[in-house]
PDB file of all heavy atoms in Angstrom:
ATOM      1  N   GLY A   1      -8.930   2.282  -9.245  1.00  0.00           N
ATOM      2  CA  GLY A   1      -7.972   1.918 -10.316  1.00  0.00           C
ATOM      3  C   GLY A   1      -6.713   2.682 -10.268  1.00  0.00           C
ATOM      4  O   GLY A   1      -6.260   3.204  -9.286  1.00  0.00           O
ATOM      5  N   VAL A   2      -6.105   2.792 -11.436  1.00  0.00           N
ATOM      6  CA  VAL A   2      -4.809   3.353 -11.684  1.00  0.00           C
ATOM      7  C   VAL A   2      -4.916   4.595 -12.539  1.00  0.00           C
ATOM      8  O   VAL A   2      -5.858   4.682 -13.302  1.00  0.00           O
ATOM      9  CB  VAL A   2      -3.829   2.268 -12.379  1.00  0.00           C
ATOM     10  CG1 VAL A   2      -4.278   1.971 -13.763  1.00  0.00           C
ATOM     11  CG2 VAL A   2      -2.396   2.595 -12.264  1.00  0.00           C
ATOM     12  N   ASP A   3      -3.882   5.442 -12.457  1.00  0.00           N
ATOM     13  CA  ASP A   3      -3.877   6.637 -13.293  1.00  0.00           C
ATOM     14  C   ASP A   3      -2.752   6.494 -14.342  1.00  0.00           C
ATOM     15  O   ASP A   3      -2.042   5.435 -14.344  1.00  0.00           O
ATOM     16  CB  ASP A   3      -3.697   7.942 -12.535  1.00  0.00           C
ATOM     17  CG  ASP A   3      -2.376   8.135 -11.847  1.00  0.00           C
ATOM     18  OD1 ASP A   3      -1.458   7.294 -12.131  1.00  0.00           O
ATOM     19  OD2 ASP A   3      -2.230   9.061 -11.046  1.00  0.00           O
ATOM     20  N   LYS A   4      -2.555   7.425 -15.256  1.00  0.00           N
ATOM     21  CA  LYS A   4      -1.622   7.312 -16.315  1.00  0.00           C
ATOM     22  C   LYS A   4      -0.188   7.224 -15.880  1.00  0.00           C
ATOM     23  O   LYS A   4       0.744   6.820 -16.607  1.00  0.00           O
ATOM     24  CB  LYS A   4      -1.748   8.431 -17.314  1.00  0.00           C
ATOM     25  CG  LYS A   4      -1.540   9.795 -16.768  1.00  0.00           C
ATOM     26  CD  LYS A   4      -1.815  10.950 -17.777  1.00  0.00           C
ATOM     27  CE  LYS A   4      -1.779  12.238 -17.156  1.00  0.00           C
ATOM     28  NZ  LYS A   4      -0.389  12.823 -17.038  1.00  0.00           N
ATOM     29  N   ASN A   5       0.074   7.606 -14.587  1.00  0.00           N
ATOM     30  CA  ASN A   5       1.443   7.507 -14.014  1.00  0.00           C
ATOM     31  C   ASN A   5       1.700   6.254 -13.192  1.00  0.00           C
ATOM     32  O   ASN A   5       2.771   6.156 -12.615  1.00  0.00           O
ATOM     33  CB  ASN A   5       1.691   8.771 -13.202  1.00  0.00           C
ATOM     34  CG  ASN A   5       1.592  10.002 -13.930  1.00  0.00           C
ATOM     35  OD1 ASN A   5       2.116  10.142 -15.068  1.00  0.00           O
ATOM     36  ND2 ASN A   5       0.929  11.013 -13.475  1.00  0.00           N
ATOM     37  N   GLY A   6       0.715   5.364 -13.102  1.00  0.00           N
ATOM     38  CA  GLY A   6       0.903   4.170 -12.380  1.00  0.00           C
ATOM     39  C   GLY A   6       0.519   4.266 -10.871  1.00  0.00           C
ATOM     40  O   GLY A   6       0.712   3.369 -10.120  1.00  0.00           O
ATOM     41  N   ASN A   7      -0.099   5.377 -10.486  1.00  0.00           N
ATOM     42  CA  ASN A   7      -0.516   5.547  -9.131  1.00  0.00           C
ATOM     43  C   ASN A   7      -1.878   4.944  -8.892  1.00  0.00           C
ATOM     44  O   ASN A   7      -2.766   5.224  -9.750  1.00  0.00           O
ATOM     45  CB  ASN A   7      -0.598   7.015  -8.758  1.00  0.00           C
ATOM     46  CG  ASN A   7       0.741   7.756  -8.889  1.00  0.00           C
ATOM     47  OD1 ASN A   7       1.673   7.339  -8.250  1.00  0.00           O
ATOM     48  ND2 ASN A   7       0.723   8.827  -9.642  1.00  0.00           N
ATOM     49  N   VAL A   8      -2.058   4.170  -7.902  1.00  0.00           N
ATOM     50  CA  VAL A   8      -3.406   3.560  -7.686  1.00  0.00           C
ATOM     51  C   VAL A   8      -4.136   4.331  -6.653  1.00  0.00           C
ATOM     52  O   VAL A   8      -3.580   4.954  -5.780  1.00  0.00           O
ATOM     53  CB  VAL A   8      -3.274   1.986  -7.218  1.00  0.00           C
ATOM     54  CG1 VAL A   8      -2.656   1.248  -8.374  1.00  0.00           C
ATOM     55  CG2 VAL A   8      -2.472   1.894  -5.914  1.00  0.00           C
ATOM     56  N   ALA A   9      -5.447   4.167  -6.701  1.00  0.00           N
ATOM     57  CA  ALA A   9      -6.337   4.910  -5.734  1.00  0.00           C
ATOM     58  C   ALA A   9      -6.178   4.361  -4.359  1.00  0.00           C
ATOM     59  O   ALA A   9      -6.052   3.156  -4.126  1.00  0.00           O
ATOM     60  CB  ALA A   9      -7.751   4.790  -6.224  1.00  0.00           C
ATOM     61  N   ASN A  10      -6.227   5.237  -3.342  1.00  0.00           N
ATOM     62  CA  ASN A  10      -6.252   4.941  -1.962  1.00  0.00           C
ATOM     63  C   ASN A  10      -5.151   3.989  -1.524  1.00  0.00           C
ATOM     64  O   ASN A  10      -5.336   2.997  -0.829  1.00  0.00           O
ATOM     65  CB  ASN A  10      -7.630   4.378  -1.570  1.00  0.00           C
ATOM     66  CG  ASN A  10      -8.739   5.404  -1.839  1.00  0.00           C
ATOM     67  OD1 ASN A  10      -8.594   6.520  -1.349  1.00  0.00           O
ATOM     68  ND2 ASN A  10      -9.686   5.068  -2.600  1.00  0.00           N
ATOM     69  N   TYR A  11      -3.942   4.242  -2.035  1.00  0.00           N
ATOM     70  CA  TYR A  11      -2.765   3.498  -1.646  1.00  0.00           C
ATOM     71  C   TYR A  11      -2.246   3.824  -0.286  1.00  0.00           C
ATOM     72  O   TYR A  11      -2.144   4.932   0.064  1.00  0.00           O
ATOM     73  CB  TYR A  11      -1.678   3.846  -2.718  1.00  0.00           C
ATOM     74  CG  TYR A  11      -0.368   3.088  -2.473  1.00  0.00           C
ATOM     75  CD1 TYR A  11      -0.200   1.798  -3.025  1.00  0.00           C
ATOM     76  CD2 TYR A  11       0.652   3.656  -1.749  1.00  0.00           C
ATOM     77  CE1 TYR A  11       1.006   1.092  -2.858  1.00  0.00           C
ATOM     78  CE2 TYR A  11       1.831   2.990  -1.576  1.00  0.00           C
ATOM     79  CZ  TYR A  11       2.000   1.662  -2.134  1.00  0.00           C
ATOM     80  OH  TYR A  11       3.154   0.993  -1.991  1.00  0.00           O
ATOM     81  N   VAL A  12      -1.972   2.776   0.489  1.00  0.00           N
ATOM     82  CA  VAL A  12      -1.543   2.892   1.882  1.00  0.00           C
ATOM     83  C   VAL A  12      -0.356   1.881   2.070  1.00  0.00           C
ATOM     84  O   VAL A  12      -0.417   0.778   1.686  1.00  0.00           O
ATOM     85  CB  VAL A  12      -2.603   2.614   2.917  1.00  0.00           C
ATOM     86  CG1 VAL A  12      -2.088   2.741   4.345  1.00  0.00           C
ATOM     87  CG2 VAL A  12      -3.799   3.516   2.711  1.00  0.00           C
ATOM     88  N   GLU A  13       0.675   2.426   2.727  1.00  0.00           N
ATOM     89  CA  GLU A  13       1.844   1.583   3.088  1.00  0.00           C
ATOM     90  C   GLU A  13       1.776   1.495   4.605  1.00  0.00           C
ATOM     91  O   GLU A  13       1.742   2.549   5.312  1.00  0.00           O
ATOM     92  CB  GLU A  13       3.163   2.239   2.669  1.00  0.00           C
ATOM     93  CG  GLU A  13       4.363   1.486   3.167  1.00  0.00           C
ATOM     94  CD  GLU A  13       5.626   2.276   3.036  1.00  0.00           C
ATOM     95  OE1 GLU A  13       5.835   3.235   3.810  1.00  0.00           O
ATOM     96  OE2 GLU A  13       6.379   1.949   2.058  1.00  0.00           O
ATOM     97  N   THR A  14       1.716   0.328   5.175  1.00  0.00           N
ATOM     98  CA  THR A  14       1.714   0.071   6.629  1.00  0.00           C
ATOM     99  C   THR A  14       2.941  -0.677   7.034  1.00  0.00           C
ATOM    100  O   THR A  14       3.197  -1.779   6.480  1.00  0.00           O
ATOM    101  CB  THR A  14       0.390  -0.659   7.045  1.00  0.00           C
ATOM    102  OG1 THR A  14      -0.688   0.079   6.695  1.00  0.00           O
ATOM    103  CG2 THR A  14       0.467  -0.891   8.634  1.00  0.00           C
ATOM    104  N   GLU A  15       3.689  -0.137   7.958  1.00  0.00           N
ATOM    105  CA  GLU A  15       4.906  -0.685   8.449  1.00  0.00           C
ATOM    106  C   GLU A  15       4.800  -1.129   9.854  1.00  0.00           C
ATOM    107  O   GLU A  15       4.328  -0.313  10.709  1.00  0.00           O
ATOM    108  CB  GLU A  15       6.105   0.222   8.263  1.00  0.00           C
ATOM    109  CG  GLU A  15       7.431  -0.421   8.673  1.00  0.00           C
ATOM    110  CD  GLU A  15       8.633   0.435   8.279  1.00  0.00           C
ATOM    111  OE1 GLU A  15       8.422   1.580   7.850  1.00  0.00           O
ATOM    112  OE2 GLU A  15       9.757  -0.096   8.385  1.00  0.00           O
ATOM    113  N   GLN A  16       5.100  -2.355  10.244  1.00  0.00           N
ATOM    114  CA  GLN A  16       5.089  -2.786  11.601  1.00  0.00           C
ATOM    115  C   GLN A  16       6.611  -2.968  11.994  1.00  0.00           C
ATOM    116  O   GLN A  16       7.331  -3.678  11.344  1.00  0.00           O
ATOM    117  CB  GLN A  16       4.366  -4.162  11.694  1.00  0.00           C
ATOM    118  CG  GLN A  16       4.378  -4.692  13.104  1.00  0.00           C
ATOM    119  CD  GLN A  16       3.675  -6.067  13.095  1.00  0.00           C
ATOM    120  OE1 GLN A  16       2.885  -6.392  12.330  1.00  0.00           O
ATOM    121  NE2 GLN A  16       4.114  -6.842  14.117  1.00  0.00           N
ATOM    122  N   LEU A  17       6.955  -2.278  13.050  1.00  0.00           N
ATOM    123  CA  LEU A  17       8.333  -2.370  13.569  1.00  0.00           C
ATOM    124  C   LEU A  17       8.301  -3.037  14.951  1.00  0.00           C
ATOM    125  O   LEU A  17       7.467  -2.712  15.773  1.00  0.00           O
ATOM    126  CB  LEU A  17       8.921  -0.955  13.679  1.00  0.00           C
ATOM    127  CG  LEU A  17       9.143  -0.230  12.343  1.00  0.00           C
ATOM    128  CD1 LEU A  17       9.225   1.209  12.621  1.00  0.00           C
ATOM    129  CD2 LEU A  17      10.416  -0.770  11.752  1.00  0.00           C
ATOM    130  N   ILE A  18       9.237  -3.928  15.174  1.00  0.00           N
ATOM    131  CA  ILE A  18       9.331  -4.591  16.455  1.00  0.00           C
ATOM    132  C   ILE A  18      10.784  -4.468  16.929  1.00  0.00           C
ATOM    133  O   ILE A  18      11.698  -4.851  16.123  1.00  0.00           O
ATOM    134  CB  ILE A  18       8.911  -6.085  16.457  1.00  0.00           C
ATOM    135  CG1 ILE A  18       7.470  -6.174  16.064  1.00  0.00           C
ATOM    136  CG2 ILE A  18       9.146  -6.733  17.816  1.00  0.00           C
ATOM    137  CD1 ILE A  18       6.962  -7.615  15.840  1.00  0.00           C
ATOM    138  N   HIS A  19      11.015  -3.886  18.066  1.00  0.00           N
ATOM    139  CA  HIS A  19      12.387  -3.727  18.664  1.00  0.00           C
ATOM    140  C   HIS A  19      12.494  -4.529  19.916  1.00  0.00           C
ATOM    141  O   HIS A  19      11.700  -4.302  20.828  1.00  0.00           O
ATOM    142  CB  HIS A  19      12.674  -2.276  18.889  1.00  0.00           C
ATOM    143  CG  HIS A  19      14.039  -2.036  19.342  1.00  0.00           C
ATOM    144  ND1 HIS A  19      15.114  -1.960  18.526  1.00  0.00           N
ATOM    145  CD2 HIS A  19      14.491  -1.852  20.619  1.00  0.00           C
ATOM    146  CE1 HIS A  19      16.227  -1.748  19.263  1.00  0.00           C
ATOM    147  NE2 HIS A  19      15.880  -1.617  20.528  1.00  0.00           N
ATOM    148  N   VAL A  20      13.440  -5.412  19.935  1.00  0.00           N
ATOM    149  CA  VAL A  20      13.680  -6.256  21.126  1.00  0.00           C
ATOM    150  C   VAL A  20      15.116  -6.624  21.154  1.00  0.00           C
ATOM    151  O   VAL A  20      15.713  -6.992  20.182  1.00  0.00           O
ATOM    152  CB  VAL A  20      12.788  -7.494  21.181  1.00  0.00           C
ATOM    153  CG1 VAL A  20      13.041  -8.447  20.058  1.00  0.00           C
ATOM    154  CG2 VAL A  20      12.860  -8.176  22.467  1.00  0.00           C
ATOM    155  N   HIS A  21      15.739  -6.611  22.349  1.00  0.00           N
ATOM    156  CA  HIS A  21      17.168  -6.927  22.553  1.00  0.00           C
ATOM    157  C   HIS A  21      18.113  -6.325  21.544  1.00  0.00           C
ATOM    158  O   HIS A  21      18.871  -7.007  20.917  1.00  0.00           O
ATOM    159  CB  HIS A  21      17.311  -8.492  22.524  1.00  0.00           C
ATOM    160  CG  HIS A  21      16.630  -9.229  23.616  1.00  0.00           C
ATOM    161  ND1 HIS A  21      16.936  -9.070  24.919  1.00  0.00           N
ATOM    162  CD2 HIS A  21      15.589 -10.114  23.575  1.00  0.00           C
ATOM    163  CE1 HIS A  21      16.112  -9.804  25.658  1.00  0.00           C
ATOM    164  NE2 HIS A  21      15.308 -10.472  24.840  1.00  0.00           N
ATOM    165  N   ASN A  22      17.905  -5.043  21.345  1.00  0.00           N
ATOM    166  CA  ASN A  22      18.774  -4.285  20.377  1.00  0.00           C
ATOM    167  C   ASN A  22      18.642  -4.747  18.909  1.00  0.00           C
ATOM    168  O   ASN A  22      19.523  -4.503  18.084  1.00  0.00           O
ATOM    169  CB  ASN A  22      20.236  -4.273  20.814  1.00  0.00           C
ATOM    170  CG  ASN A  22      20.414  -3.588  22.096  1.00  0.00           C
ATOM    171  OD1 ASN A  22      19.792  -2.525  22.353  1.00  0.00           O
ATOM    172  ND2 ASN A  22      21.259  -4.079  22.999  1.00  0.00           N
ATOM    173  N   HIS A  23      17.539  -5.395  18.641  1.00  0.00           N
ATOM    174  CA  HIS A  23      17.263  -5.837  17.235  1.00  0.00           C
ATOM    175  C   HIS A  23      15.964  -5.204  16.787  1.00  0.00           C
ATOM    176  O   HIS A  23      14.996  -5.185  17.608  1.00  0.00           O
ATOM    177  CB  HIS A  23      17.158  -7.384  17.099  1.00  0.00           C
ATOM    178  CG  HIS A  23      18.441  -8.064  17.408  1.00  0.00           C
ATOM    179  ND1 HIS A  23      19.518  -8.136  16.590  1.00  0.00           N
ATOM    180  CD2 HIS A  23      18.760  -8.783  18.528  1.00  0.00           C
ATOM    181  CE1 HIS A  23      20.455  -8.869  17.188  1.00  0.00           C
ATOM    182  NE2 HIS A  23      20.046  -9.257  18.382  1.00  0.00           N
ATOM    183  N   THR A  24      15.927  -4.737  15.558  1.00  0.00           N
ATOM    184  CA  THR A  24      14.702  -4.129  15.020  1.00  0.00           C
ATOM    185  C   THR A  24      14.309  -4.922  13.765  1.00  0.00           C
ATOM    186  O   THR A  24      15.035  -5.150  12.926  1.00  0.00           O
ATOM    187  CB  THR A  24      14.909  -2.664  14.705  1.00  0.00           C
ATOM    188  OG1 THR A  24      15.347  -1.945  15.902  1.00  0.00           O
ATOM    189  CG2 THR A  24      13.626  -2.038  14.210  1.00  0.00           C
ATOM    190  N   LEU A  25      13.054  -5.384  13.766  1.00  0.00           N
ATOM    191  CA  LEU A  25      12.447  -6.068  12.644  1.00  0.00           C
ATOM    192  C   LEU A  25      11.356  -5.175  11.986  1.00  0.00           C
ATOM    193  O   LEU A  25      10.683  -4.481  12.699  1.00  0.00           O
ATOM    194  CB  LEU A  25      11.844  -7.394  13.115  1.00  0.00           C
ATOM    195  CG  LEU A  25      12.745  -8.304  13.941  1.00  0.00           C
ATOM    196  CD1 LEU A  25      11.938  -9.369  14.593  1.00  0.00           C
ATOM    197  CD2 LEU A  25      13.754  -8.943  13.014  1.00  0.00           C
ATOM    198  N   SER A  26      11.295  -5.257  10.728  1.00  0.00           N
ATOM    199  CA  SER A  26      10.309  -4.454   9.980  1.00  0.00           C
ATOM    200  C   SER A  26       9.507  -5.300   9.019  1.00  0.00           C
ATOM    201  O   SER A  26      10.104  -6.157   8.332  1.00  0.00           O
ATOM    202  CB  SER A  26      10.963  -3.342   9.261  1.00  0.00           C
ATOM    203  OG  SER A  26      10.068  -2.694   8.354  1.00  0.00           O
ATOM    204  N   PHE A  27       8.214  -5.151   8.974  1.00  0.00           N
ATOM    205  CA  PHE A  27       7.326  -5.840   7.978  1.00  0.00           C
ATOM    206  C   PHE A  27       6.490  -4.748   7.386  1.00  0.00           C
ATOM    207  O   PHE A  27       5.862  -4.003   8.052  1.00  0.00           O
ATOM    208  CB  PHE A  27       6.534  -6.939   8.701  1.00  0.00           C
ATOM    209  CG  PHE A  27       5.558  -7.552   7.728  1.00  0.00           C
ATOM    210  CD1 PHE A  27       6.021  -8.538   6.861  1.00  0.00           C
ATOM    211  CD2 PHE A  27       4.226  -7.222   7.659  1.00  0.00           C
ATOM    212  CE1 PHE A  27       5.162  -9.170   5.978  1.00  0.00           C
ATOM    213  CE2 PHE A  27       3.342  -7.836   6.764  1.00  0.00           C
ATOM    214  CZ  PHE A  27       3.845  -8.846   5.900  1.00  0.00           C
ATOM    215  N   ILE A  28       6.563  -4.709   6.026  1.00  0.00           N
ATOM    216  CA  ILE A  28       5.819  -3.717   5.309  1.00  0.00           C
ATOM    217  C   ILE A  28       4.753  -4.360   4.410  1.00  0.00           C
ATOM    218  O   ILE A  28       4.983  -5.330   3.751  1.00  0.00           O
ATOM    219  CB  ILE A  28       6.692  -2.809   4.381  1.00  0.00           C
ATOM    220  CG1 ILE A  28       7.694  -2.019   5.271  1.00  0.00           C
ATOM    221  CG2 ILE A  28       5.881  -1.845   3.582  1.00  0.00           C
ATOM    222  CD1 ILE A  28       8.731  -1.251   4.553  1.00  0.00           C
ATOM    223  N   GLN A  29       3.528  -3.769   4.538  1.00  0.00           N
ATOM    224  CA  GLN A  29       2.378  -4.275   3.728  1.00  0.00           C
ATOM    225  C   GLN A  29       1.802  -3.041   3.035  1.00  0.00           C
ATOM    226  O   GLN A  29       1.712  -1.915   3.629  1.00  0.00           O
ATOM    227  CB  GLN A  29       1.351  -4.906   4.681  1.00  0.00           C
ATOM    228  CG  GLN A  29       0.016  -5.245   3.997  1.00  0.00           C
ATOM    229  CD  GLN A  29      -0.880  -5.879   4.978  1.00  0.00           C
ATOM    230  OE1 GLN A  29      -0.541  -6.601   5.869  1.00  0.00           O
ATOM    231  NE2 GLN A  29      -2.157  -5.395   4.896  1.00  0.00           N
ATOM    232  N   THR A  30       1.534  -3.192   1.764  1.00  0.00           N
ATOM    233  CA  THR A  30       0.912  -2.103   0.969  1.00  0.00           C
ATOM    234  C   THR A  30      -0.479  -2.577   0.501  1.00  0.00           C
ATOM    235  O   THR A  30      -0.689  -3.749   0.349  1.00  0.00           O
ATOM    236  CB  THR A  30       1.794  -1.687  -0.223  1.00  0.00           C
ATOM    237  OG1 THR A  30       1.871  -2.814  -1.114  1.00  0.00           O
ATOM    238  CG2 THR A  30       3.089  -1.211   0.165  1.00  0.00           C
ATOM    239  N   ARG A  31      -1.291  -1.624   0.315  1.00  0.00           N
ATOM    240  CA  ARG A  31      -2.657  -1.939  -0.231  1.00  0.00           C
ATOM    241  C   ARG A  31      -3.086  -0.779  -1.090  1.00  0.00           C
ATOM    242  O   ARG A  31      -2.621   0.373  -0.932  1.00  0.00           O
ATOM    243  CB  ARG A  31      -3.638  -2.165   0.861  1.00  0.00           C
ATOM    244  CG  ARG A  31      -4.001  -0.904   1.628  1.00  0.00           C
ATOM    245  CD  ARG A  31      -5.359  -0.878   2.291  1.00  0.00           C
ATOM    246  NE  ARG A  31      -6.486  -1.248   1.474  1.00  0.00           N
ATOM    247  CZ  ARG A  31      -7.162  -0.359   0.752  1.00  0.00           C
ATOM    248  NH1 ARG A  31      -6.773   0.926   0.657  1.00  0.00           N
ATOM    249  NH2 ARG A  31      -8.263  -0.742   0.044  1.00  0.00           N
ATOM    250  N   GLY A  32      -3.888  -1.059  -2.052  1.00  0.00           N
ATOM    251  CA  GLY A  32      -4.389  -0.073  -2.967  1.00  0.00           C
ATOM    252  C   GLY A  32      -5.421  -0.668  -3.863  1.00  0.00           C
ATOM    253  O   GLY A  32      -5.680  -1.891  -3.914  1.00  0.00           O
ATOM    254  N   SER A  33      -5.984   0.181  -4.683  1.00  0.00           N
ATOM    255  CA  SER A  33      -6.956  -0.276  -5.686  1.00  0.00           C
ATOM    256  C   SER A  33      -6.292  -1.151  -6.735  1.00  0.00           C
ATOM    257  O   SER A  33      -5.052  -1.053  -6.967  1.00  0.00           O
ATOM    258  CB  SER A  33      -7.563   0.996  -6.345  1.00  0.00           C
ATOM    259  OG  SER A  33      -8.653   0.630  -7.172  1.00  0.00           O
ATOM    260  N   VAL A  34      -7.061  -2.007  -7.392  1.00  0.00           N
ATOM    261  CA  VAL A  34      -6.548  -2.888  -8.428  1.00  0.00           C
ATOM    262  C   VAL A  34      -5.989  -1.987  -9.508  1.00  0.00           C
ATOM    263  O   VAL A  34      -6.674  -1.104 -10.054  1.00  0.00           O
ATOM    264  CB  VAL A  34      -7.667  -3.773  -8.979  1.00  0.00           C
ATOM    265  CG1 VAL A  34      -7.154  -4.554 -10.203  1.00  0.00           C
ATOM    266  CG2 VAL A  34      -8.126  -4.772  -7.904  1.00  0.00           C
ATOM    267  N   PRO A  35      -4.698  -2.137  -9.916  1.00  0.00           N
ATOM    268  CA  PRO A  35      -4.035  -1.249 -10.886  1.00  0.00           C
ATOM    269  C   PRO A  35      -4.398  -1.505 -12.374  1.00  0.00           C
ATOM    270  O   PRO A  35      -3.547  -1.727 -13.210  1.00  0.00           O
ATOM    271  CB  PRO A  35      -2.575  -1.518 -10.638  1.00  0.00           C
ATOM    272  CG  PRO A  35      -2.487  -2.944 -10.148  1.00  0.00           C
ATOM    273  CD  PRO A  35      -3.740  -3.212  -9.414  1.00  0.00           C
ATOM    274  N   VAL A  36      -5.703  -1.398 -12.654  1.00  0.00           N
ATOM    275  CA  VAL A  36      -6.207  -1.315 -13.980  1.00  0.00           C
ATOM    276  C   VAL A  36      -7.121  -0.136 -14.007  1.00  0.00           C
ATOM    277  O   VAL A  36      -7.526   0.406 -13.000  1.00  0.00           O
ATOM    278  CB  VAL A  36      -6.899  -2.678 -14.398  1.00  0.00           C
ATOM    279  CG1 VAL A  36      -5.931  -3.826 -14.390  1.00  0.00           C
ATOM    280  CG2 VAL A  36      -8.153  -2.905 -13.636  1.00  0.00           C
ATOM    281  N   PHE A  37      -7.538   0.272 -15.243  1.00  0.00           N
ATOM    282  CA  PHE A  37      -8.444   1.407 -15.376  1.00  0.00           C
ATOM    283  C   PHE A  37      -9.857   0.877 -15.148  1.00  0.00           C
ATOM    284  O   PHE A  37     -10.438   0.208 -16.027  1.00  0.00           O
ATOM    285  CB  PHE A  37      -8.310   2.047 -16.707  1.00  0.00           C
ATOM    286  CG  PHE A  37      -7.077   2.817 -16.886  1.00  0.00           C
ATOM    287  CD1 PHE A  37      -5.938   2.295 -17.547  1.00  0.00           C
ATOM    288  CD2 PHE A  37      -6.907   4.089 -16.333  1.00  0.00           C
ATOM    289  CE1 PHE A  37      -4.780   2.982 -17.726  1.00  0.00           C
ATOM    290  CE2 PHE A  37      -5.724   4.803 -16.497  1.00  0.00           C
ATOM    291  CZ  PHE A  37      -4.649   4.246 -17.194  1.00  0.00           C
ATOM    292  N   TRP A  38     -10.440   1.217 -14.007  1.00  0.00           N
ATOM    293  CA  TRP A  38     -11.872   0.844 -13.705  1.00  0.00           C
ATOM    294  C   TRP A  38     -12.493   1.790 -12.841  1.00  0.00           C
ATOM    295  O   TRP A  38     -11.842   2.673 -12.237  1.00  0.00           O
ATOM    296  CB  TRP A  38     -11.854  -0.584 -13.097  1.00  0.00           C
ATOM    297  CG  TRP A  38     -11.340  -0.731 -11.682  1.00  0.00           C
ATOM    298  CD1 TRP A  38      -9.926  -0.738 -11.358  1.00  0.00           C
ATOM    299  CD2 TRP A  38     -11.992  -0.845 -10.486  1.00  0.00           C
ATOM    300  NE1 TRP A  38      -9.791  -0.877  -9.988  1.00  0.00           N
ATOM    301  CE2 TRP A  38     -11.084  -0.994  -9.412  1.00  0.00           C
ATOM    302  CE3 TRP A  38     -13.349  -0.931 -10.207  1.00  0.00           C
ATOM    303  CZ2 TRP A  38     -11.376  -1.101  -8.133  1.00  0.00           C
ATOM    304  CZ3 TRP A  38     -13.735  -1.079  -8.846  1.00  0.00           C
ATOM    305  CH2 TRP A  38     -12.781  -1.205  -7.861  1.00  0.00           C
ATOM    306  N   SER A  39     -13.838   1.706 -12.753  1.00  0.00           N
ATOM    307  CA  SER A  39     -14.552   2.687 -11.926  1.00  0.00           C
ATOM    308  C   SER A  39     -15.889   2.036 -11.525  1.00  0.00           C
ATOM    309  O   SER A  39     -16.243   0.998 -11.928  1.00  0.00           O
ATOM    310  CB  SER A  39     -14.884   3.991 -12.721  1.00  0.00           C
ATOM    311  OG  SER A  39     -15.612   3.672 -13.866  1.00  0.00           O
ATOM    312  N   GLN A  40     -16.519   2.738 -10.580  1.00  0.00           N
ATOM    313  CA  GLN A  40     -17.883   2.383 -10.162  1.00  0.00           C
ATOM    314  C   GLN A  40     -18.722   3.604 -10.165  1.00  0.00           C
ATOM    315  O   GLN A  40     -18.358   4.626  -9.519  1.00  0.00           O
ATOM    316  CB  GLN A  40     -17.819   1.741  -8.758  1.00  0.00           C
ATOM    317  CG  GLN A  40     -17.263   0.337  -8.714  1.00  0.00           C
ATOM    318  CD  GLN A  40     -17.182  -0.177  -7.297  1.00  0.00           C
ATOM    319  OE1 GLN A  40     -16.482   0.318  -6.529  1.00  0.00           O
ATOM    320  NE2 GLN A  40     -17.919  -1.281  -7.104  1.00  0.00           N
ATOM    321  N   ILE A  41     -19.775   3.594 -10.878  1.00  0.00           N
ATOM    322  CA  ILE A  41     -20.663   4.781 -11.081  1.00  0.00           C
ATOM    323  C   ILE A  41     -21.861   4.637 -10.178  1.00  0.00           C
ATOM    324  O   ILE A  41     -22.456   3.569 -10.069  1.00  0.00           O
ATOM    325  CB  ILE A  41     -21.106   4.951 -12.530  1.00  0.00           C
ATOM    326  CG1 ILE A  41     -19.856   4.969 -13.467  1.00  0.00           C
ATOM    327  CG2 ILE A  41     -21.974   6.146 -12.695  1.00  0.00           C
ATOM    328  CD1 ILE A  41     -18.920   6.138 -13.237  1.00  0.00           C
ATOM    329  N   GLY A  42     -22.189   5.746  -9.505  1.00  0.00           N
ATOM    330  CA  GLY A  42     -23.423   5.792  -8.667  1.00  0.00           C
ATOM    331  C   GLY A  42     -23.058   5.746  -7.204  1.00  0.00           C
ATOM    332  O   GLY A  42     -21.923   5.455  -6.794  1.00  0.00           O
TER     333      GLY A  42
END
């Protein structure tokens, strides 16, 4: 879940860069826990 500052658990930003013929392209994907207050016990 999320904390009181809006940070989500296990957040990862992945960027894919491709450079060809003097051009650079970027694609960014982020992932993280659902940003609500939740947990799993056990």
